[in-house]
């Protein structure tokens, strides 16, 4: 077969007859993290097929993000750095309770910002 000839339909591999690919370790770890953080079970049949696990992750990843945001309302590192820069410039301190809430620190930044 030369470089310019195409594969005839009879010579194409039948991918449907091949066994499913196993999920990667990272896929399984991520799916287990989603399941644990959202309190749902990871089905056993999904653990056996890479495509099925990928679809399960796509369908359930929003649950992890939502539960993480609710549980973890701490300020971001960039938010803290910006607030501390403002505090140094204004020669003021940031009360400790503002480090416990993203919203409180945002209010402090808005009230004390340049």
Foldseek 3Di string as FASTA:
>chain_A
DDPPDDDDPVRDDDPVPDDADAADPVLVVLLVLLCVLQVHDDDPVCRGHNVSSVVVCVVRVVSNVVSCCVVQQFADPVLVVLLVVLCVVVVHDDDPVCRRGNVSSVVVCVVRPD
